[in-house]
Amino acid sequence: MPAGSPRPAPPRGLVALLRLAVPPEERGSVEGELREAYRGKAAREGRATARRWYRRQVWGYVWRTIAVRRVTERRGKGNMRLDGIRSDVRWAMRSLRRRPGFTAVSVATLALGIGANSAVFTLVNAHFFAPLPYDRADGLVLLWETGRGNREVTTVSPGSYWAWRDAAESFTEVAAYNVDFATLSGTGPAERLTASLVVPHFFDVLGVEPILGGGFTATSVREADGDQVVLAHGLWTRRFGADPAIVGREVRIEGRPHTVVGVLPPSFRQPERTLSWQTTELWRPMLLEGESTNHRARYLRAVA
């Protein structure tokens, strides 16, 4: 982007829709994070690609909000109707016995409705109610930044990440990561996947142990020039047939050979406060050495 050019902003209509879908207490952080991610993607891949990406994120929030409201409304209505449920059931049973054809259609409709509601509850429960699958989850925090003179929440610069690691006494350790995409090829057709770039000690901070192999270390990452990968359990099962000998094999990511160093347990999910409907399927390492003074580029997420 030429010097002095205005920073690209997401489409106003989608921003307005996002504000309607997100609860007020989360609106500032969600809008700020998506805006920074949009600007980074626009700079790397062009505004058309960034707009399509931003549209998917906004509609993901819309559907999430609808699902949560449906669950909440059903719970409230269920309490008010409890008193009359017995008489309603008796009346319904008498009516269904008199009309067997209608009964068959009703049973089929109920089966479809119950299946749909079960799917919605499973999604909402996994992302909002189930305990976080981390060791000592009550001690983990996500870290964000705000600009000078305002309270707008944004992602984190490498300089801030290093400052927190070196000087913050409230944390025992801080890790950084970033959401991205990656093309996996070499075994079967090429596939575009949701991926993440993480610092080597990312899984250590979360207290997550791979079920196969191990995670990253700074030494191994340097020796492999960053060409290592950790697989999600779902990707390992779907793409590689849950092969127990996957550790040490090479797969091609973005056209480069990467060595598989580990497979994560099926319960693991990345600590995303937003974009949670996107399931990360592989992780690659990044080294932020030499960027301790970079406070301008804000593209990282941080957990401590």
C-alpha atoms as a PDB file:
ATOM      1  CA  MET A   1       0.000   0.000   0.000  1.00  0.00           C
ATOM      2  CA  PRO A   2       1.536   3.432  -0.951  1.00  0.00           C
ATOM      3  CA  ALA A   3       2.579   5.703   1.890  1.00  0.00           C
ATOM      4  CA  GLY A   4      -0.199   8.063   2.919  1.00  0.00           C
ATOM      5  CA  SER A   5      -2.991   5.913   1.430  1.00  0.00           C
ATOM      6  CA  PRO A   6      -6.046   5.444   3.660  1.00  0.00           C
ATOM      7  CA  ARG A   7      -6.176   2.080   5.342  1.00  0.00           C
ATOM      8  CA  PRO A   8      -8.853  -0.145   3.773  1.00  0.00           C
ATOM      9  CA  ALA A   9     -12.063  -0.455   5.732  1.00  0.00           C
ATOM     10  CA  PRO A  10     -14.628  -3.281   5.606  1.00  0.00           C
ATOM     11  CA  PRO A  11     -17.904  -2.654   3.722  1.00  0.00           C
ATOM     12  CA  ARG A  12     -20.184  -0.427   5.784  1.00  0.00           C
ATOM     13  CA  GLY A  13     -23.251  -2.598   5.266  1.00  0.00           C
ATOM     14  CA  LEU A  14     -21.497  -5.668   6.634  1.00  0.00           C
ATOM     15  CA  VAL A  15     -20.136  -3.671   9.574  1.00  0.00           C
ATOM     16  CA  ALA A  16     -23.689  -2.543  10.408  1.00  0.00           C
ATOM     17  CA  LEU A  17     -24.942  -6.139  10.192  1.00  0.00           C
ATOM     18  CA  LEU A  18     -22.093  -7.284  12.466  1.00  0.00           C
ATOM     19  CA  ARG A  19     -23.056  -4.683  15.090  1.00  0.00           C
ATOM     20  CA  LEU A  20     -26.623  -5.984  15.102  1.00  0.00           C
ATOM     21  CA  ALA A  21     -25.495  -9.615  15.492  1.00  0.00           C
ATOM     22  CA  VAL A  22     -22.882  -9.199  18.249  1.00  0.00           C
ATOM     23  CA  PRO A  23     -23.895  -8.550  21.893  1.00  0.00           C
ATOM     24  CA  PRO A  24     -23.040  -4.993  23.065  1.00  0.00           C
ATOM     25  CA  GLU A  25     -20.444  -6.171  25.577  1.00  0.00           C
ATOM     26  CA  GLU A  26     -18.448  -7.953  22.830  1.00  0.00           C
ATOM     27  CA  ARG A  27     -19.114  -5.530  19.968  1.00  0.00           C
ATOM     28  CA  GLY A  28     -15.984  -3.395  20.301  1.00  0.00           C
ATOM     29  CA  SER A  29     -13.517  -6.265  20.529  1.00  0.00           C
ATOM     30  CA  VAL A  30     -15.125  -8.295  17.739  1.00  0.00           C
ATOM     31  CA  GLU A  31     -15.427  -5.366  15.353  1.00  0.00           C
ATOM     32  CA  GLY A  32     -11.860  -4.243  16.038  1.00  0.00           C
ATOM     33  CA  GLU A  33     -10.377  -7.700  15.563  1.00  0.00           C
ATOM     34  CA  LEU A  34     -12.218  -8.351  12.300  1.00  0.00           C
ATOM     35  CA  ARG A  35     -11.261  -4.914  10.992  1.00  0.00           C
ATOM     36  CA  GLU A  36      -7.558  -5.529  11.637  1.00  0.00           C
ATOM     37  CA  ALA A  37      -7.783  -8.986  10.085  1.00  0.00           C
ATOM     38  CA  TYR A  38      -9.562  -7.495   7.047  1.00  0.00           C
ATOM     39  CA  ARG A  39      -6.812  -4.905   6.567  1.00  0.00           C
ATOM     40  CA  GLY A  40      -4.083  -7.519   6.786  1.00  0.00           C
ATOM     41  CA  LYS A  41      -5.836  -9.797   4.279  1.00  0.00           C
ATOM     42  CA  ALA A  42      -6.525  -6.865   1.927  1.00  0.00           C
ATOM     43  CA  ALA A  43      -2.827  -5.985   1.982  1.00  0.00           C
ATOM     44  CA  ARG A  44      -1.762  -9.588   1.278  1.00  0.00           C
ATOM     45  CA  GLU A  45      -4.465 -10.909  -1.042  1.00  0.00           C
ATOM     46  CA  GLY A  46      -6.415  -7.913  -2.337  1.00  0.00           C
ATOM     47  CA  ARG A  47      -9.630  -6.206  -1.311  1.00  0.00           C
ATOM     48  CA  ALA A  48     -11.951  -8.538  -3.234  1.00  0.00           C
ATOM     49  CA  THR A  49     -10.653 -11.574  -1.338  1.00  0.00           C
ATOM     50  CA  ALA A  50     -10.769  -9.631   1.933  1.00  0.00           C
ATOM     51  CA  ARG A  51     -14.409  -8.633   1.330  1.00  0.00           C
ATOM     52  CA  ARG A  52     -15.423 -12.229   0.677  1.00  0.00           C
ATOM     53  CA  TRP A  53     -13.605 -13.337   3.833  1.00  0.00           C
ATOM     54  CA  TYR A  54     -15.206 -10.567   5.905  1.00  0.00           C
ATOM     55  CA  ARG A  55     -18.677 -11.471   4.593  1.00  0.00           C
ATOM     56  CA  ARG A  56     -18.210 -15.084   5.772  1.00  0.00           C
ATOM     57  CA  GLN A  57     -17.186 -13.911   9.234  1.00  0.00           C
ATOM     58  CA  VAL A  58     -20.201 -11.599   9.596  1.00  0.00           C
ATOM     59  CA  TRP A  59     -22.697 -14.244   8.505  1.00  0.00           C
ATOM     60  CA  GLY A  60     -21.083 -16.692  10.889  1.00  0.00           C
ATOM     61  CA  TYR A  61     -21.906 -14.288  13.730  1.00  0.00           C
ATOM     62  CA  VAL A  62     -25.464 -13.823  12.444  1.00  0.00           C
ATOM     63  CA  TRP A  63     -26.144 -17.570  12.481  1.00  0.00           C
ATOM     64  CA  ARG A  64     -24.486 -17.941  15.873  1.00  0.00           C
ATOM     65  CA  THR A  65     -26.750 -15.225  17.323  1.00  0.00           C
ATOM     66  CA  ILE A  66     -29.863 -16.859  15.872  1.00  0.00           C
ATOM     67  CA  ALA A  67     -28.893 -20.221  17.371  1.00  0.00           C
ATOM     68  CA  VAL A  68     -28.295 -18.753  20.844  1.00  0.00           C
ATOM     69  CA  ARG A  69     -31.586 -16.849  20.802  1.00  0.00           C
ATOM     70  CA  ARG A  70     -33.522 -19.935  19.790  1.00  0.00           C
ATOM     71  CA  VAL A  71     -32.093 -21.930  22.686  1.00  0.00           C
ATOM     72  CA  THR A  72     -32.836 -19.094  25.153  1.00  0.00           C
ATOM     73  CA  GLU A  73     -36.401 -18.588  23.909  1.00  0.00           C
ATOM     74  CA  ARG A  74     -37.217 -22.293  24.115  1.00  0.00           C
ATOM     75  CA  ARG A  75     -36.029 -22.451  27.703  1.00  0.00           C
ATOM     76  CA  GLY A  76     -38.224 -19.485  28.727  1.00  0.00           C
ATOM     77  CA  LYS A  77     -41.344 -20.756  26.962  1.00  0.00           C
ATOM     78  CA  GLY A  78     -40.893 -24.246  28.399  1.00  0.00           C
ATOM     79  CA  ASN A  79     -41.255 -22.934  31.959  1.00  0.00           C
ATOM     80  CA  MET A  80     -44.482 -21.041  31.196  1.00  0.00           C
ATOM     81  CA  ARG A  81     -46.148 -24.025  29.494  1.00  0.00           C
ATOM     82  CA  LEU A  82     -45.316 -26.651  32.092  1.00  0.00           C
ATOM     83  CA  ASP A  83     -48.716 -26.408  33.829  1.00  0.00           C
ATOM     84  CA  GLY A  84     -50.751 -27.202  30.725  1.00  0.00           C
ATOM     85  CA  ILE A  85     -48.556 -29.874  29.191  1.00  0.00           C
ATOM     86  CA  ARG A  86     -50.479 -32.889  30.568  1.00  0.00           C
ATOM     87  CA  SER A  87     -53.838 -31.865  29.161  1.00  0.00           C
ATOM     88  CA  ASP A  88     -52.236 -30.966  25.827  1.00  0.00           C
ATOM     89  CA  VAL A  89     -50.635 -34.413  25.566  1.00  0.00           C
ATOM     90  CA  ARG A  90     -53.912 -36.224  26.314  1.00  0.00           C
ATOM     91  CA  TRP A  91     -55.788 -34.190  23.729  1.00  0.00           C
ATOM     92  CA  ALA A  92     -53.047 -34.743  21.131  1.00  0.00           C
ATOM     93  CA  MET A  93     -52.999 -38.513  21.674  1.00  0.00           C
ATOM     94  CA  ARG A  94     -56.784 -38.782  21.176  1.00  0.00           C
ATOM     95  CA  SER A  95     -56.569 -36.724  17.980  1.00  0.00           C
ATOM     96  CA  LEU A  96     -53.673 -38.740  16.554  1.00  0.00           C
ATOM     97  CA  ARG A  97     -55.444 -42.061  17.135  1.00  0.00           C
ATOM     98  CA  ARG A  98     -58.425 -40.858  15.081  1.00  0.00           C
ATOM     99  CA  ARG A  99     -56.223 -39.750  12.107  1.00  0.00           C
ATOM    100  CA  PRO A 100     -53.402 -42.269  11.405  1.00  0.00           C
ATOM    101  CA  GLY A 101     -52.284 -40.597   8.158  1.00  0.00           C
ATOM    102  CA  PHE A 102     -51.827 -37.250   9.838  1.00  0.00           C
ATOM    103  CA  THR A 103     -50.065 -39.051  12.695  1.00  0.00           C
ATOM    104  CA  ALA A 104     -47.415 -40.449  10.323  1.00  0.00           C
ATOM    105  CA  VAL A 105     -46.710 -36.991   8.860  1.00  0.00           C
ATOM    106  CA  SER A 106     -46.542 -35.464  12.354  1.00  0.00           C
ATOM    107  CA  VAL A 107     -44.044 -38.063  13.572  1.00  0.00           C
ATOM    108  CA  ALA A 108     -41.798 -37.461  10.542  1.00  0.00           C
ATOM    109  CA  THR A 109     -41.960 -33.689  11.069  1.00  0.00           C
ATOM    110  CA  LEU A 110     -41.108 -34.059  14.748  1.00  0.00           C
ATOM    111  CA  ALA A 111     -38.147 -36.273  13.929  1.00  0.00           C
ATOM    112  CA  LEU A 112     -36.738 -33.639  11.558  1.00  0.00           C
ATOM    113  CA  GLY A 113     -37.325 -30.839  14.072  1.00  0.00           C
ATOM    114  CA  ILE A 114     -35.726 -32.725  16.948  1.00  0.00           C
ATOM    115  CA  GLY A 115     -32.691 -33.558  14.810  1.00  0.00           C
ATOM    116  CA  ALA A 116     -32.242 -29.907  13.782  1.00  0.00           C
ATOM    117  CA  ASN A 117     -32.573 -28.670  17.371  1.00  0.00           C
ATOM    118  CA  SER A 118     -30.087 -31.263  18.589  1.00  0.00           C
ATOM    119  CA  ALA A 119     -27.546 -30.076  16.013  1.00  0.00           C
ATOM    120  CA  VAL A 120     -28.020 -26.434  17.058  1.00  0.00           C
ATOM    121  CA  PHE A 121     -27.655 -27.239  20.752  1.00  0.00           C
ATOM    122  CA  THR A 122     -24.545 -29.335  20.101  1.00  0.00           C
ATOM    123  CA  LEU A 123     -22.929 -26.371  18.309  1.00  0.00           C
ATOM    124  CA  VAL A 124     -23.919 -23.821  20.964  1.00  0.00           C
ATOM    125  CA  ASN A 125     -22.908 -26.095  23.841  1.00  0.00           C
ATOM    126  CA  ALA A 126     -19.482 -26.806  22.353  1.00  0.00           C
ATOM    127  CA  HIS A 127     -18.638 -23.113  21.935  1.00  0.00           C
ATOM    128  CA  PHE A 128     -20.400 -21.409  24.878  1.00  0.00           C
ATOM    129  CA  PHE A 129     -21.178 -23.818  27.719  1.00  0.00           C
ATOM    130  CA  ALA A 130     -18.698 -26.710  27.692  1.00  0.00           C
ATOM    131  CA  PRO A 131     -15.560 -26.298  29.896  1.00  0.00           C
ATOM    132  CA  LEU A 132     -12.442 -25.178  28.049  1.00  0.00           C
ATOM    133  CA  PRO A 133     -10.253 -28.190  27.157  1.00  0.00           C
ATOM    134  CA  TYR A 134      -7.056 -26.812  28.684  1.00  0.00           C
ATOM    135  CA  ASP A 135      -4.978 -27.571  31.738  1.00  0.00           C
ATOM    136  CA  ARG A 136      -5.680 -24.940  34.423  1.00  0.00           C
ATOM    137  CA  ALA A 137      -8.178 -23.181  32.149  1.00  0.00           C
ATOM    138  CA  ASP A 138      -9.188 -20.755  34.934  1.00  0.00           C
ATOM    139  CA  GLY A 139      -5.665 -19.294  34.851  1.00  0.00           C
ATOM    140  CA  LEU A 140      -5.608 -18.513  31.109  1.00  0.00           C
ATOM    141  CA  VAL A 141      -6.314 -15.062  29.683  1.00  0.00           C
ATOM    142  CA  LEU A 142      -6.459 -13.590  26.173  1.00  0.00           C
ATOM    143  CA  LEU A 143      -4.522 -10.336  25.682  1.00  0.00           C
ATOM    144  CA  TRP A 144      -5.536  -7.444  23.421  1.00  0.00           C
ATOM    145  CA  GLU A 145      -4.385  -3.919  22.641  1.00  0.00           C
ATOM    146  CA  THR A 146      -6.140  -0.574  22.345  1.00  0.00           C
ATOM    147  CA  GLY A 147      -5.038   2.477  20.402  1.00  0.00           C
ATOM    148  CA  ARG A 148      -3.930   5.688  22.067  1.00  0.00           C
ATOM    149  CA  GLY A 149      -6.796   7.950  22.995  1.00  0.00           C
ATOM    150  CA  ASN A 150      -9.555   5.389  22.426  1.00  0.00           C
ATOM    151  CA  ARG A 151     -10.883   2.072  23.747  1.00  0.00           C
ATOM    152  CA  GLU A 152     -11.054   0.275  20.409  1.00  0.00           C
ATOM    153  CA  VAL A 153      -9.768  -3.279  20.848  1.00  0.00           C
ATOM    154  CA  THR A 154      -7.300  -4.575  18.271  1.00  0.00           C
ATOM    155  CA  THR A 155      -4.935  -7.486  17.779  1.00  0.00           C
ATOM    156  CA  VAL A 156      -1.381  -7.402  19.127  1.00  0.00           C
ATOM    157  CA  SER A 157       1.923  -6.199  17.685  1.00  0.00           C
ATOM    158  CA  PRO A 158       5.112  -8.304  17.941  1.00  0.00           C
ATOM    159  CA  GLY A 159       6.696  -5.530  20.019  1.00  0.00           C
ATOM    160  CA  SER A 160       3.931  -5.701  22.617  1.00  0.00           C
ATOM    161  CA  TYR A 161       4.171  -9.487  22.709  1.00  0.00           C
ATOM    162  CA  TRP A 162       7.898  -9.313  23.511  1.00  0.00           C
ATOM    163  CA  ALA A 163       7.361  -6.536  26.063  1.00  0.00           C
ATOM    164  CA  TRP A 164       4.748  -8.614  27.886  1.00  0.00           C
ATOM    165  CA  ARG A 165       7.001 -11.671  27.881  1.00  0.00           C
ATOM    166  CA  ASP A 166       9.994  -9.743  29.227  1.00  0.00           C
ATOM    167  CA  ALA A 167       8.376  -7.351  31.691  1.00  0.00           C
ATOM    168  CA  ALA A 168       4.896  -8.448  32.755  1.00  0.00           C
ATOM    169  CA  GLU A 169       5.006  -9.947  36.252  1.00  0.00           C
ATOM    170  CA  SER A 170       1.340 -10.993  36.253  1.00  0.00           C
ATOM    171  CA  PHE A 171       1.952 -13.893  33.850  1.00  0.00           C
ATOM    172  CA  THR A 172       4.234 -16.905  34.012  1.00  0.00           C
ATOM    173  CA  GLU A 173       4.353 -17.099  30.200  1.00  0.00           C
ATOM    174  CA  VAL A 174       2.847 -15.460  27.108  1.00  0.00           C
ATOM    175  CA  ALA A 175       2.331 -17.070  23.686  1.00  0.00           C
ATOM    176  CA  ALA A 176       1.324 -15.564  20.344  1.00  0.00           C
ATOM    177  CA  TYR A 177      -0.570 -17.038  17.411  1.00  0.00           C
ATOM    178  CA  ASN A 178      -2.367 -15.952  14.261  1.00  0.00           C
ATOM    179  CA  VAL A 179      -5.264 -17.349  12.239  1.00  0.00           C
ATOM    180  CA  ASP A 180      -4.489 -18.067   8.599  1.00  0.00           C
ATOM    181  CA  PHE A 181      -5.214 -20.467   5.759  1.00  0.00           C
ATOM    182  CA  ALA A 182      -2.991 -23.107   4.185  1.00  0.00           C
ATOM    183  CA  THR A 183      -3.183 -25.385   1.146  1.00  0.00           C
ATOM    184  CA  LEU A 184      -2.429 -29.031   1.925  1.00  0.00           C
ATOM    185  CA  SER A 185      -1.388 -31.247  -0.992  1.00  0.00           C
ATOM    186  CA  GLY A 186       0.731 -34.269  -1.812  1.00  0.00           C
ATOM    187  CA  THR A 187      -1.630 -36.970  -0.484  1.00  0.00           C
ATOM    188  CA  GLY A 188      -4.901 -36.851  -2.389  1.00  0.00           C
ATOM    189  CA  PRO A 189      -6.375 -33.662  -3.893  1.00  0.00           C
ATOM    190  CA  ALA A 190      -5.184 -30.251  -2.730  1.00  0.00           C
ATOM    191  CA  GLU A 191      -7.305 -28.834   0.087  1.00  0.00           C
ATOM    192  CA  ARG A 192      -7.619 -25.311   1.505  1.00  0.00           C
ATOM    193  CA  LEU A 193      -7.703 -25.465   5.319  1.00  0.00           C
ATOM    194  CA  THR A 194      -8.070 -23.107   8.249  1.00  0.00           C
ATOM    195  CA  ALA A 195      -4.637 -23.001   9.867  1.00  0.00           C
ATOM    196  CA  SER A 196      -2.656 -21.128  12.496  1.00  0.00           C
ATOM    197  CA  LEU A 197       0.868 -19.841  12.908  1.00  0.00           C
ATOM    198  CA  VAL A 198       2.047 -20.217  16.518  1.00  0.00           C
ATOM    199  CA  VAL A 199       5.175 -19.552  18.543  1.00  0.00           C
ATOM    200  CA  PRO A 200       6.975 -22.791  19.529  1.00  0.00           C
ATOM    201  CA  HIS A 201       5.789 -22.793  23.171  1.00  0.00           C
ATOM    202  CA  PHE A 202       2.106 -22.128  22.275  1.00  0.00           C
ATOM    203  CA  PHE A 203       0.903 -25.625  23.248  1.00  0.00           C
ATOM    204  CA  ASP A 204       2.997 -25.556  26.431  1.00  0.00           C
ATOM    205  CA  VAL A 205       1.228 -22.401  27.613  1.00  0.00           C
ATOM    206  CA  LEU A 206      -2.155 -24.079  27.065  1.00  0.00           C
ATOM    207  CA  GLY A 207      -0.975 -27.257  28.785  1.00  0.00           C
ATOM    208  CA  VAL A 208      -1.904 -29.416  25.792  1.00  0.00           C
ATOM    209  CA  GLU A 209      -0.098 -32.706  25.163  1.00  0.00           C
ATOM    210  CA  PRO A 210      -0.247 -34.206  21.631  1.00  0.00           C
ATOM    211  CA  ILE A 211      -1.561 -37.769  21.488  1.00  0.00           C
ATOM    212  CA  LEU A 212       1.155 -38.576  18.925  1.00  0.00           C
ATOM    213  CA  GLY A 213       4.619 -37.066  18.692  1.00  0.00           C
ATOM    214  CA  GLY A 214       5.198 -33.681  20.290  1.00  0.00           C
ATOM    215  CA  GLY A 215       4.873 -29.975  19.678  1.00  0.00           C
ATOM    216  CA  PHE A 216       7.374 -27.416  18.437  1.00  0.00           C
ATOM    217  CA  THR A 217      10.611 -26.278  20.033  1.00  0.00           C
ATOM    218  CA  ALA A 218      12.595 -23.206  19.067  1.00  0.00           C
ATOM    219  CA  THR A 219      15.636 -25.353  18.268  1.00  0.00           C
ATOM    220  CA  SER A 220      13.779 -27.823  16.035  1.00  0.00           C
ATOM    221  CA  VAL A 221      11.976 -24.992  14.248  1.00  0.00           C
ATOM    222  CA  ARG A 222      15.265 -23.278  13.410  1.00  0.00           C
ATOM    223  CA  GLU A 223      16.831 -26.531  12.223  1.00  0.00           C
ATOM    224  CA  ALA A 224      13.838 -27.298   9.990  1.00  0.00           C
ATOM    225  CA  ASP A 225      13.628 -23.698   8.746  1.00  0.00           C
ATOM    226  CA  GLY A 226      10.051 -23.616  10.000  1.00  0.00           C
ATOM    227  CA  ASP A 227       8.896 -26.513   7.814  1.00  0.00           C
ATOM    228  CA  GLN A 228       7.076 -28.428  10.555  1.00  0.00           C
ATOM    229  CA  VAL A 229       3.381 -29.023  11.163  1.00  0.00           C
ATOM    230  CA  VAL A 230       1.081 -30.280  13.933  1.00  0.00           C
ATOM    231  CA  LEU A 231      -2.220 -31.831  12.787  1.00  0.00           C
ATOM    232  CA  ALA A 232      -5.680 -31.612  14.330  1.00  0.00           C
ATOM    233  CA  HIS A 233      -7.195 -34.962  15.273  1.00  0.00           C
ATOM    234  CA  GLY A 234     -10.008 -34.508  12.753  1.00  0.00           C
ATOM    235  CA  LEU A 235      -7.631 -33.821   9.865  1.00  0.00           C
ATOM    236  CA  TRP A 236      -5.413 -36.742  10.855  1.00  0.00           C
ATOM    237  CA  THR A 237      -8.427 -39.063  10.832  1.00  0.00           C
ATOM    238  CA  ARG A 238     -10.087 -37.726   7.697  1.00  0.00           C
ATOM    239  CA  ARG A 239      -7.072 -37.170   5.463  1.00  0.00           C
ATOM    240  CA  PHE A 240      -4.573 -39.749   6.738  1.00  0.00           C
ATOM    241  CA  GLY A 241      -6.846 -42.536   7.977  1.00  0.00           C
ATOM    242  CA  ALA A 242      -5.650 -42.102  11.601  1.00  0.00           C
ATOM    243  CA  ASP A 243      -2.293 -43.590  10.604  1.00  0.00           C
ATOM    244  CA  PRO A 244      -0.286 -44.043  13.850  1.00  0.00           C
ATOM    245  CA  ALA A 245       2.945 -43.744  11.828  1.00  0.00           C
ATOM    246  CA  ILE A 246       2.117 -40.214  10.619  1.00  0.00           C
ATOM    247  CA  VAL A 247       4.777 -38.560  12.839  1.00  0.00           C
ATOM    248  CA  GLY A 248       7.930 -38.033  10.806  1.00  0.00           C
ATOM    249  CA  ARG A 249       6.173 -38.163   7.440  1.00  0.00           C
ATOM    250  CA  GLU A 250       6.327 -35.264   4.998  1.00  0.00           C
ATOM    251  CA  VAL A 251       3.261 -33.430   3.686  1.00  0.00           C
ATOM    252  CA  ARG A 252       3.234 -30.475   1.304  1.00  0.00           C
ATOM    253  CA  ILE A 253       1.874 -27.161   2.578  1.00  0.00           C
ATOM    254  CA  GLU A 254       1.845 -24.208   0.200  1.00  0.00           C
ATOM    255  CA  GLY A 255       3.976 -26.343  -2.108  1.00  0.00           C
ATOM    256  CA  ARG A 256       6.755 -26.893   0.465  1.00  0.00           C
ATOM    257  CA  PRO A 257       7.506 -30.187   2.250  1.00  0.00           C
ATOM    258  CA  HIS A 258       6.698 -30.057   5.977  1.00  0.00           C
ATOM    259  CA  THR A 259       7.451 -32.750   8.550  1.00  0.00           C
ATOM    260  CA  VAL A 260       4.570 -33.853  10.773  1.00  0.00           C
ATOM    261  CA  VAL A 261       5.763 -33.594  14.390  1.00  0.00           C
ATOM    262  CA  GLY A 262       2.533 -34.252  16.282  1.00  0.00           C
ATOM    263  CA  VAL A 263      -1.231 -34.870  16.386  1.00  0.00           C
ATOM    264  CA  LEU A 264      -3.463 -33.085  18.920  1.00  0.00           C
ATOM    265  CA  PRO A 265      -6.244 -34.745  20.975  1.00  0.00           C
ATOM    266  CA  PRO A 266      -9.804 -34.615  19.598  1.00  0.00           C
ATOM    267  CA  SER A 267     -10.982 -32.311  22.418  1.00  0.00           C
ATOM    268  CA  PHE A 268      -8.536 -29.522  21.542  1.00  0.00           C
ATOM    269  CA  ARG A 269      -9.788 -26.304  19.994  1.00  0.00           C
ATOM    270  CA  GLN A 270      -7.924 -23.055  19.577  1.00  0.00           C
ATOM    271  CA  PRO A 271      -8.698 -20.351  22.185  1.00  0.00           C
ATOM    272  CA  GLU A 272     -10.622 -18.107  19.820  1.00  0.00           C
ATOM    273  CA  ARG A 273     -12.996 -15.647  21.405  1.00  0.00           C
ATOM    274  CA  THR A 274     -14.210 -14.832  17.895  1.00  0.00           C
ATOM    275  CA  LEU A 275     -14.224 -16.741  14.596  1.00  0.00           C
ATOM    276  CA  SER A 276     -15.064 -19.772  16.690  1.00  0.00           C
ATOM    277  CA  TRP A 277     -17.070 -21.493  13.935  1.00  0.00           C
ATOM    278  CA  GLN A 278     -13.834 -21.895  11.975  1.00  0.00           C
ATOM    279  CA  THR A 279     -12.096 -25.078  13.066  1.00  0.00           C
ATOM    280  CA  THR A 280      -8.307 -24.871  12.875  1.00  0.00           C
ATOM    281  CA  GLU A 281      -6.941 -28.074  11.315  1.00  0.00           C
ATOM    282  CA  LEU A 282      -3.182 -27.585  11.284  1.00  0.00           C
ATOM    283  CA  TRP A 283      -0.560 -25.496  13.051  1.00  0.00           C
ATOM    284  CA  ARG A 284       2.787 -24.240  11.747  1.00  0.00           C
ATOM    285  CA  PRO A 285       5.516 -22.565  13.812  1.00  0.00           C
ATOM    286  CA  MET A 286       6.657 -18.956  13.608  1.00  0.00           C
ATOM    287  CA  LEU A 287       9.666 -17.284  15.201  1.00  0.00           C
ATOM    288  CA  LEU A 288       9.257 -13.627  16.115  1.00  0.00           C
ATOM    289  CA  GLU A 289      12.935 -13.067  16.857  1.00  0.00           C
ATOM    290  CA  GLY A 290      14.150  -9.702  15.637  1.00  0.00           C
ATOM    291  CA  GLU A 291      10.688  -8.078  15.916  1.00  0.00           C
ATOM    292  CA  SER A 292      10.878  -6.863  19.502  1.00  0.00           C
ATOM    293  CA  THR A 293      10.687  -3.229  18.362  1.00  0.00           C
ATOM    294  CA  ASN A 294       7.870  -3.709  15.845  1.00  0.00           C
ATOM    295  CA  HIS A 295       4.870  -1.957  17.396  1.00  0.00           C
ATOM    296  CA  ARG A 296       3.177  -0.878  14.159  1.00  0.00           C
ATOM    297  CA  ALA A 297       1.993  -4.183  12.661  1.00  0.00           C
ATOM    298  CA  ARG A 298      -0.860  -5.611  14.723  1.00  0.00           C
ATOM    299  CA  TYR A 299      -1.640  -9.077  13.480  1.00  0.00           C
ATOM    300  CA  LEU A 300      -1.119 -11.406  16.457  1.00  0.00           C
ATOM    301  CA  ARG A 301      -3.399 -12.858  19.086  1.00  0.00           C
ATOM    302  CA  ALA A 302      -1.913 -13.552  22.523  1.00  0.00           C
ATOM    303  CA  VAL A 303      -2.716 -15.919  25.369  1.00  0.00           C
ATOM    304  CA  ALA A 304      -1.050 -15.915  28.788  1.00  0.00           C
END
